[in-house]
């Protein structure tokens, strides 16, 4: 009876003490869960506002939600008296193990996020990166999909893309077409420059600004080499180069100016019969 009376006497104090802890734990859990949802929405909205890929924005938003929610669970357990030090240690060890196991994937993910944020290249750009060349068709959270001019599909890891040099041929609105035109030593230099100038002036691809360059660059072993460097719109690069080479060849042929090519002279020596 005395034990029962003692317990009855301590009951109000017990209920007040542990009841408050339970109530506080519930409040912490509710508020933490609410804050995790808010953090997720704000993170996703912020990334989408910066025109980050929707897949990456959603993934990062869920990652933020998970981090805040884990801290909420730890705080809730700590409030009701559970020792969370060992739990934190276990979670840390588990996170380290998962991180080591997924090191390559996490590196690709981080590189994908950096590509989307800093935009060294975008979908539709023709690039030379990770030892391959092609037009970027899709950037995912782990890899980049490229299409080659002959319609092959190349999938390159994002880490390989970001850890190397990226040459973006589509980043600027204008590109310069660099050509070397060789003519024979017997050709008239002034006349050759005039013909090259007329070809560039009459070509629809060539831009007036910036101005093109035509100059004698080298006295080669068998030819006089002119550099011809017109500027064109980036999407017109290959069409302009192919058309200009054809027009220059036809114009030089019509003017009787020789374009030298490698030749070999054979001298036959007749040996006297024994």
Protein backbone atom coordinates (compact mmCIF):
# COMPACT_ATOMS: atom_id res chain seq x y z
CA UNK A 1 0.00 0.00 0.00
CA UNK A 2 2.78 2.37 0.89
CA UNK A 3 4.41 1.79 -2.51
CA UNK A 4 1.15 2.45 -4.29
CA UNK A 5 0.56 5.61 -2.32
CA UNK A 6 4.11 6.72 -3.11
CA UNK A 7 3.57 6.14 -6.80
CA UNK A 8 0.24 7.96 -6.71
CA UNK A 9 1.94 10.89 -5.02
CA UNK A 10 4.68 11.03 -7.67
CA UNK A 11 2.30 10.56 -10.59
CA UNK A 12 1.46 14.25 -11.08
CA UNK A 13 5.13 15.20 -11.05
CA UNK A 14 5.93 12.28 -13.42
CA UNK A 15 3.16 13.28 -15.82
CA UNK A 16 4.19 16.90 -15.76
CA UNK A 17 7.88 16.17 -16.32
CA UNK A 18 7.60 13.50 -19.02
CA UNK A 19 4.36 14.83 -20.43
CA UNK A 20 6.04 18.14 -21.18
CA UNK A 21 8.93 16.29 -22.82
CA UNK A 22 6.56 14.29 -25.01
CA UNK A 23 4.60 17.41 -25.95
CA UNK A 24 7.83 19.26 -26.76
CA UNK A 25 9.06 16.29 -28.80
CA UNK A 26 5.81 16.26 -30.80
CA UNK A 27 6.08 20.02 -31.37
CA UNK A 28 9.70 19.67 -32.48
CA UNK A 29 8.73 16.90 -34.89
CA UNK A 30 5.81 18.87 -36.36
CA UNK A 31 7.83 22.09 -36.71
CA UNK A 32 10.84 20.25 -38.10
CA UNK A 33 8.74 18.43 -40.66
CA UNK A 34 7.13 21.71 -41.69
CA UNK A 35 10.53 23.39 -42.01
CA UNK A 36 11.87 20.50 -44.09
CA UNK A 37 8.99 20.91 -46.54
CA UNK A 38 9.52 24.68 -46.65
CA UNK A 39 13.26 24.21 -47.24
CA UNK A 40 12.54 21.78 -50.06
CA UNK A 41 10.09 24.13 -51.77
CA UNK A 42 12.36 27.18 -51.38
CA UNK A 43 15.40 25.31 -52.69
CA UNK A 44 13.54 23.93 -55.70
CA UNK A 45 11.99 27.31 -56.47
CA UNK A 46 15.35 29.07 -56.16
CA UNK A 47 17.07 26.64 -58.51
CA UNK A 48 14.23 26.75 -61.04
CA UNK A 49 14.34 30.55 -60.86
CA UNK A 50 17.98 30.38 -61.92
CA UNK A 51 16.88 28.17 -64.85
CA UNK A 52 18.51 25.07 -63.38
CA UNK A 53 17.45 21.79 -64.93
CA UNK A 54 14.22 20.56 -63.33
CA UNK A 55 15.69 17.13 -62.57
CA UNK A 56 18.63 18.63 -60.69
CA UNK A 57 16.39 21.12 -58.86
CA UNK A 58 14.06 18.34 -57.70
CA UNK A 59 16.96 16.13 -56.60
CA UNK A 60 18.64 18.91 -54.60
CA UNK A 61 15.29 19.87 -53.05
CA UNK A 62 14.72 16.30 -51.87
CA UNK A 63 18.28 16.16 -50.54
CA UNK A 64 17.71 19.32 -48.48
CA UNK A 65 14.43 17.88 -47.19
CA UNK A 66 16.19 14.68 -46.11
CA UNK A 67 18.94 16.55 -44.24
CA UNK A 68 16.49 18.77 -42.34
CA UNK A 69 14.23 15.81 -41.55
CA UNK A 70 17.11 13.73 -40.17
CA UNK A 71 18.07 16.58 -37.83
CA UNK A 72 14.41 16.81 -36.80
CA UNK A 73 14.32 13.11 -35.87
CA UNK A 74 17.55 13.44 -33.86
CA UNK A 75 16.22 16.50 -32.01
CA UNK A 76 12.92 14.74 -31.29
CA UNK A 77 14.62 11.65 -29.85
CA UNK A 78 16.95 13.81 -27.80
CA UNK A 79 13.99 15.68 -26.31
CA UNK A 80 12.39 12.50 -24.92
CA UNK A 81 15.67 11.38 -23.38
CA UNK A 82 17.13 9.05 -26.01
CA UNK A 83 20.93 9.21 -26.21
CA UNK A 84 21.54 10.51 -29.73
CA UNK A 85 25.34 10.55 -29.66
CA UNK A 86 25.58 6.91 -30.67
CA UNK A 87 22.82 7.41 -33.27
CA UNK A 88 24.71 10.31 -34.83
CA UNK A 89 27.88 8.20 -34.90
CA UNK A 90 26.04 5.35 -36.65
CA UNK A 91 24.52 7.73 -39.17
CA UNK A 92 27.92 9.29 -39.79
CA UNK A 93 29.54 5.92 -40.37
CA UNK A 94 26.71 4.86 -42.65
CA UNK A 95 26.97 8.10 -44.60
CA UNK A 96 30.73 7.65 -44.98
CA UNK A 97 30.27 4.09 -46.23
CA UNK A 98 27.61 5.14 -48.72
CA UNK A 99 29.75 8.07 -49.85
CA UNK A 100 32.75 5.83 -50.50
CA UNK A 101 30.60 3.30 -52.33
CA UNK A 102 29.03 5.99 -54.51
CA UNK A 103 32.13 8.14 -54.92
CA UNK A 104 32.05 8.04 -58.71
CA UNK A 105 28.31 8.69 -58.89
CA UNK A 106 28.52 11.56 -56.40
CA UNK A 107 31.38 13.07 -58.40
CA UNK A 108 29.29 12.86 -61.56
CA UNK A 109 26.31 14.38 -59.75
CA UNK A 110 28.37 17.28 -58.36
CA UNK A 111 29.85 17.90 -61.81
CA UNK A 112 26.36 17.83 -63.33
CA UNK A 113 25.17 20.45 -60.85
CA UNK A 114 28.20 22.64 -61.64
CA UNK A 115 27.54 22.28 -65.37
CA UNK A 116 23.95 23.38 -64.95
CA UNK A 117 24.86 26.29 -62.64
CA UNK A 118 27.90 27.71 -64.46
CA UNK A 119 26.79 26.62 -67.95
CA UNK A 120 30.12 26.10 -69.78
CA UNK A 121 27.93 24.47 -72.41
CA UNK A 122 24.21 24.06 -73.04
CA UNK A 123 21.89 21.76 -74.90
CA UNK A 124 22.37 22.38 -78.62
CA UNK A 125 26.03 23.49 -78.36
CA UNK A 126 28.69 21.73 -80.40
CA UNK A 127 31.58 21.00 -78.06
CA UNK A 128 34.87 19.16 -77.84
CA UNK A 129 35.18 17.69 -74.32
CA UNK A 130 36.15 14.49 -72.50
CA UNK A 131 37.98 13.34 -75.63
CA UNK A 132 34.83 13.40 -77.77
CA UNK A 133 33.09 15.89 -80.03
CA UNK A 134 29.39 16.36 -80.69
CA UNK A 135 26.25 18.39 -80.17
CA UNK A 136 24.92 18.25 -76.61
CA UNK A 137 21.53 16.58 -76.68
CA UNK A 138 20.85 16.21 -72.94
CA UNK A 139 22.51 16.99 -69.59
CA UNK A 140 21.37 14.68 -66.79
CA UNK A 141 22.47 14.57 -63.16
CA UNK A 142 25.13 11.93 -63.86
CA UNK A 143 26.05 12.10 -67.56
CA UNK A 144 25.93 14.19 -70.71
CA UNK A 145 24.50 12.85 -73.98
CA UNK A 146 26.09 14.04 -77.22
CA UNK A 147 25.22 13.46 -80.87
CA UNK A 148 28.02 13.29 -83.43
CA UNK A 149 27.62 14.79 -86.93
CA UNK A 150 27.07 11.26 -88.30
CA UNK A 151 24.31 10.73 -85.69
CA UNK A 152 26.16 8.54 -83.21
CA UNK A 153 25.19 8.80 -79.54
CA UNK A 154 27.97 9.40 -77.01
CA UNK A 155 27.29 9.33 -73.26
CA UNK A 156 30.10 11.00 -71.28
CA UNK A 157 30.30 11.12 -67.45
CA UNK A 158 29.81 14.62 -66.09
CA UNK A 159 33.02 14.38 -64.06
CA UNK A 160 35.01 13.71 -67.24
CA UNK A 161 33.37 16.72 -68.88
CA UNK A 162 34.10 19.12 -66.01
CA UNK A 163 37.59 17.83 -65.14
CA UNK A 164 38.91 18.46 -68.64
CA UNK A 165 39.00 21.28 -71.14
CA UNK A 166 35.71 22.14 -72.85
CA UNK A 167 35.90 23.75 -76.27
CA UNK A 168 32.51 25.25 -77.08
CA UNK A 169 32.16 26.04 -80.77
CA UNK A 170 28.63 27.41 -80.39
CA UNK A 171 29.13 29.83 -77.50
CA UNK A 172 29.62 32.91 -79.71
CA UNK A 173 27.36 34.23 -82.44
CA UNK A 174 30.21 34.59 -84.96
CA UNK A 175 33.09 32.33 -85.99
CA UNK A 176 36.11 32.89 -88.18
CA UNK A 177 36.77 30.52 -91.06
CA UNK A 178 40.54 29.96 -91.37
CA UNK A 179 41.72 28.85 -94.80
CA UNK A 180 45.17 28.65 -96.39
CA UNK A 181 45.21 29.07 -100.16
CA UNK A 182 48.44 28.22 -101.99
CA UNK A 183 49.24 29.40 -105.50
CA UNK A 184 52.28 28.91 -107.70
CA UNK A 185 55.33 31.16 -107.55
CA UNK A 186 54.54 32.39 -111.04
CA UNK A 187 51.20 33.87 -109.93
CA UNK A 188 50.70 37.63 -109.67
CA UNK A 189 50.27 38.46 -105.97
CA UNK A 190 48.09 41.54 -106.48
CA UNK A 191 45.82 39.75 -108.93
CA UNK A 192 45.47 36.75 -106.60
CA UNK A 193 44.48 39.00 -103.68
CA UNK A 194 41.97 40.79 -105.94
CA UNK A 195 40.34 37.48 -106.91
CA UNK A 196 40.14 36.32 -103.30
CA UNK A 197 38.65 39.67 -102.30
CA UNK A 198 35.98 39.45 -105.02
CA UNK A 199 35.01 35.94 -103.90
CA UNK A 200 34.56 37.04 -100.28
CA UNK A 201 32.71 40.23 -101.22
CA UNK A 202 30.18 38.29 -103.30
CA UNK A 203 29.59 35.46 -100.85
CA UNK A 204 26.34 35.71 -98.88
CA UNK A 205 27.75 33.95 -95.81
CA UNK A 206 30.63 36.38 -95.22
CA UNK A 207 29.91 39.13 -92.68
CA UNK A 208 30.95 42.73 -93.23
CA UNK A 209 31.71 43.21 -89.54
CA UNK A 210 34.24 42.08 -88.37
CA UNK A 211 36.20 42.59 -91.57
CA UNK A 212 37.82 39.62 -93.22
CA UNK A 213 41.59 39.16 -93.61
CA UNK A 214 43.49 38.29 -96.79
CA UNK A 215 47.26 38.31 -96.49
CA UNK A 216 50.38 36.65 -97.85
CA UNK A 217 51.46 34.46 -94.96
CA UNK A 218 54.22 32.17 -96.19
CA UNK A 219 56.63 31.48 -99.00
CA UNK A 220 56.39 27.71 -98.94
CA UNK A 221 58.50 25.05 -100.58
CA UNK A 222 56.35 24.89 -103.68
CA UNK A 223 53.67 27.56 -103.24
CA UNK A 224 52.88 31.07 -102.09
CA UNK A 225 50.41 30.68 -99.24
CA UNK A 226 47.67 33.21 -98.53
CA UNK A 227 45.59 33.21 -95.34
CA UNK A 228 41.92 33.86 -96.00
CA UNK A 229 39.93 34.52 -92.80
CA UNK A 230 36.32 35.64 -93.22
CA UNK A 231 33.79 35.88 -90.36
CA UNK A 232 30.45 34.10 -90.59
CA UNK A 233 27.52 33.31 -88.32
CA UNK A 234 28.27 30.28 -86.17
CA UNK A 235 25.45 28.07 -87.57
CA UNK A 236 26.72 28.82 -91.12
CA UNK A 237 30.35 27.80 -90.45
CA UNK A 238 30.59 24.55 -92.40
CA UNK A 239 28.32 25.62 -95.22
CA UNK A 240 30.34 28.81 -95.65
CA UNK A 241 33.70 26.99 -95.62
CA UNK A 242 32.66 24.39 -98.19
CA UNK A 243 31.15 27.00 -100.51
CA UNK A 244 34.09 29.39 -100.25
CA UNK A 245 36.65 26.70 -101.05
CA UNK A 246 34.71 25.74 -104.16
CA UNK A 247 34.28 29.35 -105.29
CA UNK A 248 37.96 30.17 -104.71
CA UNK A 249 39.09 27.14 -106.72
CA UNK A 250 36.78 28.02 -109.62
CA UNK A 251 37.81 31.69 -109.58
CA UNK A 252 41.54 30.90 -109.59
CA UNK A 253 41.09 28.37 -112.40
CA UNK A 254 39.15 30.92 -114.46
CA UNK A 255 41.96 33.45 -114.01
CA UNK A 256 44.60 30.93 -115.02
CA UNK A 257 46.29 30.96 -111.61
CA UNK A 258 47.80 27.61 -110.77
CA UNK A 259 47.17 25.90 -107.46
CA UNK A 260 50.26 23.69 -107.05
CA UNK A 261 50.07 20.11 -105.87
CA UNK A 262 52.81 17.64 -104.91
CA UNK A 263 54.65 16.32 -107.95
CA UNK A 264 57.54 13.95 -108.50
CA UNK A 265 59.88 14.10 -111.48
CA UNK A 266 61.40 10.77 -112.57
CA UNK A 267 64.64 10.79 -114.55
CA UNK A 268 65.36 7.52 -116.37
CA UNK A 269 68.99 6.85 -117.08
CA UNK A 270 69.77 4.33 -119.77
CA UNK A 271 72.59 2.00 -118.82
CA UNK A 272 74.93 0.89 -121.63
CA UNK A 273 74.62 -2.75 -122.54
CA UNK A 274 77.53 -4.94 -121.56
